Amino acid sequence: MSRPKLPPDVAAQVGAQGTHSRGKLCDDDEGDLGMAIGSDPVNRKVLVDFGGPVSWFALDPEDAVRLAGMLLSQAMHANNRKPLNMELPASLQFIQYPTEPNA
């Protein structure tokens, strides 16, 4: 599977936007990030395109819920609307971020 080509109007909204619409979180905050989210039912994959390399991003709680909803919606589409196993595979690890950003 290769990276799908985004339509020009979508591609223009993906990647670093060069703005800090909600303020700068820290010195290495590179600003707003546009991402495209879709699904490929044939290959059973959810696609997230950041438009380039991304080492980290931060979300307000409301935006985190919106992103989770979009990912879940696309996961259902990629799985042909069949029930999903919500257990994390052993290959995927989530590490708790420190409470203090600079800790």
C-alpha atoms as a PDB file:
ATOM      1  CA  MET A   1       0.000   0.000   0.000  1.00  0.00           C
ATOM      2  CA  SER A   2       1.416   3.389  -0.892  1.00  0.00           C
ATOM      3  CA  ARG A   3       0.522   6.758   0.534  1.00  0.00           C
ATOM      4  CA  PRO A   4      -2.683   7.960  -1.130  1.00  0.00           C
ATOM      5  CA  LYS A   5      -2.487  11.197  -3.088  1.00  0.00           C
ATOM      6  CA  LEU A   6      -4.583  13.899  -1.471  1.00  0.00           C
ATOM      7  CA  PRO A   7      -6.719  16.222  -3.589  1.00  0.00           C
ATOM      8  CA  PRO A   8      -4.992  19.648  -3.917  1.00  0.00           C
ATOM      9  CA  ASP A   9      -7.585  21.438  -1.746  1.00  0.00           C
ATOM     10  CA  VAL A  10      -7.054  18.891   1.070  1.00  0.00           C
ATOM     11  CA  ALA A  11      -3.255  18.756   0.654  1.00  0.00           C
ATOM     12  CA  ALA A  12      -3.110  22.541   1.178  1.00  0.00           C
ATOM     13  CA  GLN A  13      -4.657  22.081   4.644  1.00  0.00           C
ATOM     14  CA  VAL A  14      -2.357  19.234   5.765  1.00  0.00           C
ATOM     15  CA  GLY A  15       0.958  19.737   7.564  1.00  0.00           C
ATOM     16  CA  ALA A  16       2.485  22.684   9.373  1.00  0.00           C
ATOM     17  CA  GLN A  17       0.289  25.754   9.012  1.00  0.00           C
ATOM     18  CA  GLY A  18       2.766  28.380  10.260  1.00  0.00           C
ATOM     19  CA  THR A  19       0.328  29.728  12.851  1.00  0.00           C
ATOM     20  CA  HIS A  20      -0.233  29.343  16.594  1.00  0.00           C
ATOM     21  CA  SER A  21      -4.007  29.829  16.780  1.00  0.00           C
ATOM     22  CA  ARG A  22      -4.152  28.843  20.461  1.00  0.00           C
ATOM     23  CA  GLY A  23      -0.836  30.293  21.580  1.00  0.00           C
ATOM     24  CA  LYS A  24       2.621  28.765  21.720  1.00  0.00           C
ATOM     25  CA  LEU A  25       2.808  25.887  24.228  1.00  0.00           C
ATOM     26  CA  CYS A  26       6.623  25.827  24.567  1.00  0.00           C
ATOM     27  CA  ASP A  27       9.809  26.865  22.749  1.00  0.00           C
ATOM     28  CA  ASP A  28       9.763  23.946  20.304  1.00  0.00           C
ATOM     29  CA  ASP A  29       6.042  24.295  19.493  1.00  0.00           C
ATOM     30  CA  GLU A  30       6.012  24.577  15.692  1.00  0.00           C
ATOM     31  CA  GLY A  31       2.379  25.659  15.521  1.00  0.00           C
ATOM     32  CA  ASP A  32      -0.893  24.450  14.118  1.00  0.00           C
ATOM     33  CA  LEU A  33      -0.911  21.103  12.331  1.00  0.00           C
ATOM     34  CA  GLY A  34      -3.443  20.043   9.739  1.00  0.00           C
ATOM     35  CA  MET A  35      -4.052  16.323   9.303  1.00  0.00           C
ATOM     36  CA  ALA A  36      -6.156  14.257   6.941  1.00  0.00           C
ATOM     37  CA  ILE A  37      -7.904  11.173   8.349  1.00  0.00           C
ATOM     38  CA  GLY A  38      -9.495   8.516   6.184  1.00  0.00           C
ATOM     39  CA  SER A  39      -9.835   4.769   5.795  1.00  0.00           C
ATOM     40  CA  ASP A  40      -9.088   1.971   3.367  1.00  0.00           C
ATOM     41  CA  PRO A  41     -11.619  -0.856   3.811  1.00  0.00           C
ATOM     42  CA  VAL A  42      -9.847  -3.046   1.230  1.00  0.00           C
ATOM     43  CA  ASN A  43      -6.638  -3.140   3.290  1.00  0.00           C
ATOM     44  CA  ARG A  44      -8.463  -2.599   6.634  1.00  0.00           C
ATOM     45  CA  LYS A  45      -6.380   0.465   7.567  1.00  0.00           C
ATOM     46  CA  VAL A  46      -7.088   3.876   9.060  1.00  0.00           C
ATOM     47  CA  LEU A  47      -4.983   6.508   7.322  1.00  0.00           C
ATOM     48  CA  VAL A  48      -3.634   9.596   9.097  1.00  0.00           C
ATOM     49  CA  ASP A  49      -1.609  12.002   6.954  1.00  0.00           C
ATOM     50  CA  PHE A  50       0.339  14.740   8.730  1.00  0.00           C
ATOM     51  CA  GLY A  51       1.849  16.083   5.512  1.00  0.00           C
ATOM     52  CA  GLY A  52       5.396  15.502   6.774  1.00  0.00           C
ATOM     53  CA  PRO A  53       7.429  14.457   9.801  1.00  0.00           C
ATOM     54  CA  VAL A  54       5.812  15.137  13.184  1.00  0.00           C
ATOM     55  CA  SER A  55       7.537  14.363  16.476  1.00  0.00           C
ATOM     56  CA  TRP A  56       4.689  15.448  18.787  1.00  0.00           C
ATOM     57  CA  PHE A  57       1.411  17.340  18.959  1.00  0.00           C
ATOM     58  CA  ALA A  58      -0.847  18.598  21.731  1.00  0.00           C
ATOM     59  CA  LEU A  59      -4.626  18.873  21.842  1.00  0.00           C
ATOM     60  CA  ASP A  60      -7.167  20.564  24.063  1.00  0.00           C
ATOM     61  CA  PRO A  61      -9.379  17.948  25.750  1.00  0.00           C
ATOM     62  CA  GLU A  62     -12.267  18.782  23.392  1.00  0.00           C
ATOM     63  CA  ASP A  63     -10.062  18.376  20.320  1.00  0.00           C
ATOM     64  CA  ALA A  64      -8.693  15.074  21.689  1.00  0.00           C
ATOM     65  CA  VAL A  65     -12.273  13.789  21.937  1.00  0.00           C
ATOM     66  CA  ARG A  66     -13.004  14.983  18.370  1.00  0.00           C
ATOM     67  CA  LEU A  67      -9.858  13.232  17.089  1.00  0.00           C
ATOM     68  CA  ALA A  68     -10.792  10.036  18.955  1.00  0.00           C
ATOM     69  CA  GLY A  69     -14.261  10.187  17.391  1.00  0.00           C
ATOM     70  CA  MET A  70     -12.859  10.686  13.896  1.00  0.00           C
ATOM     71  CA  LEU A  71     -10.417   7.789  14.362  1.00  0.00           C
ATOM     72  CA  LEU A  72     -13.172   5.523  15.693  1.00  0.00           C
ATOM     73  CA  SER A  73     -15.473   6.454  12.811  1.00  0.00           C
ATOM     74  CA  GLN A  74     -12.768   5.688  10.249  1.00  0.00           C
ATOM     75  CA  ALA A  75     -11.878   2.459  12.081  1.00  0.00           C
ATOM     76  CA  MET A  76     -15.484   1.317  11.756  1.00  0.00           C
ATOM     77  CA  HIS A  77     -15.433   2.188   8.047  1.00  0.00           C
ATOM     78  CA  ALA A  78     -12.115   0.357   7.536  1.00  0.00           C
ATOM     79  CA  ASN A  79     -13.620  -2.681   9.278  1.00  0.00           C
ATOM     80  CA  ASN A  80     -16.686  -2.606   7.026  1.00  0.00           C
ATOM     81  CA  ARG A  81     -18.866  -1.491   9.980  1.00  0.00           C
ATOM     82  CA  LYS A  82     -18.240  -4.763  11.850  1.00  0.00           C
ATOM     83  CA  PRO A  83     -17.625  -4.733  15.633  1.00  0.00           C
ATOM     84  CA  LEU A  84     -14.060  -3.912  16.632  1.00  0.00           C
ATOM     85  CA  ASN A  85     -11.830  -5.549  19.238  1.00  0.00           C
ATOM     86  CA  MET A  86     -10.917  -2.646  21.536  1.00  0.00           C
ATOM     87  CA  GLU A  87      -7.970  -4.396  23.244  1.00  0.00           C
ATOM     88  CA  LEU A  88      -4.555  -2.913  22.465  1.00  0.00           C
ATOM     89  CA  PRO A  89      -2.106  -5.237  20.709  1.00  0.00           C
ATOM     90  CA  ALA A  90       1.101  -6.016  22.604  1.00  0.00           C
ATOM     91  CA  SER A  91       3.067  -4.227  19.854  1.00  0.00           C
ATOM     92  CA  LEU A  92       1.426  -0.875  20.709  1.00  0.00           C
ATOM     93  CA  GLN A  93       2.601   0.818  23.867  1.00  0.00           C
ATOM     94  CA  PHE A  94       1.214   3.926  25.480  1.00  0.00           C
ATOM     95  CA  ILE A  95       3.522   5.627  27.919  1.00  0.00           C
ATOM     96  CA  GLN A  96       2.060   8.064  30.450  1.00  0.00           C
ATOM     97  CA  TYR A  97       3.361  11.573  29.798  1.00  0.00           C
ATOM     98  CA  PRO A  98       4.802  13.366  32.838  1.00  0.00           C
ATOM     99  CA  THR A  99       2.270  15.627  34.590  1.00  0.00           C
ATOM    100  CA  GLU A 100       4.574  18.626  34.234  1.00  0.00           C
ATOM    101  CA  PRO A 101       5.590  19.323  30.576  1.00  0.00           C
ATOM    102  CA  ASN A 102       9.223  19.979  31.552  1.00  0.00           C
ATOM    103  CA  ALA A 103       9.540  17.201  34.154  1.00  0.00           C
END
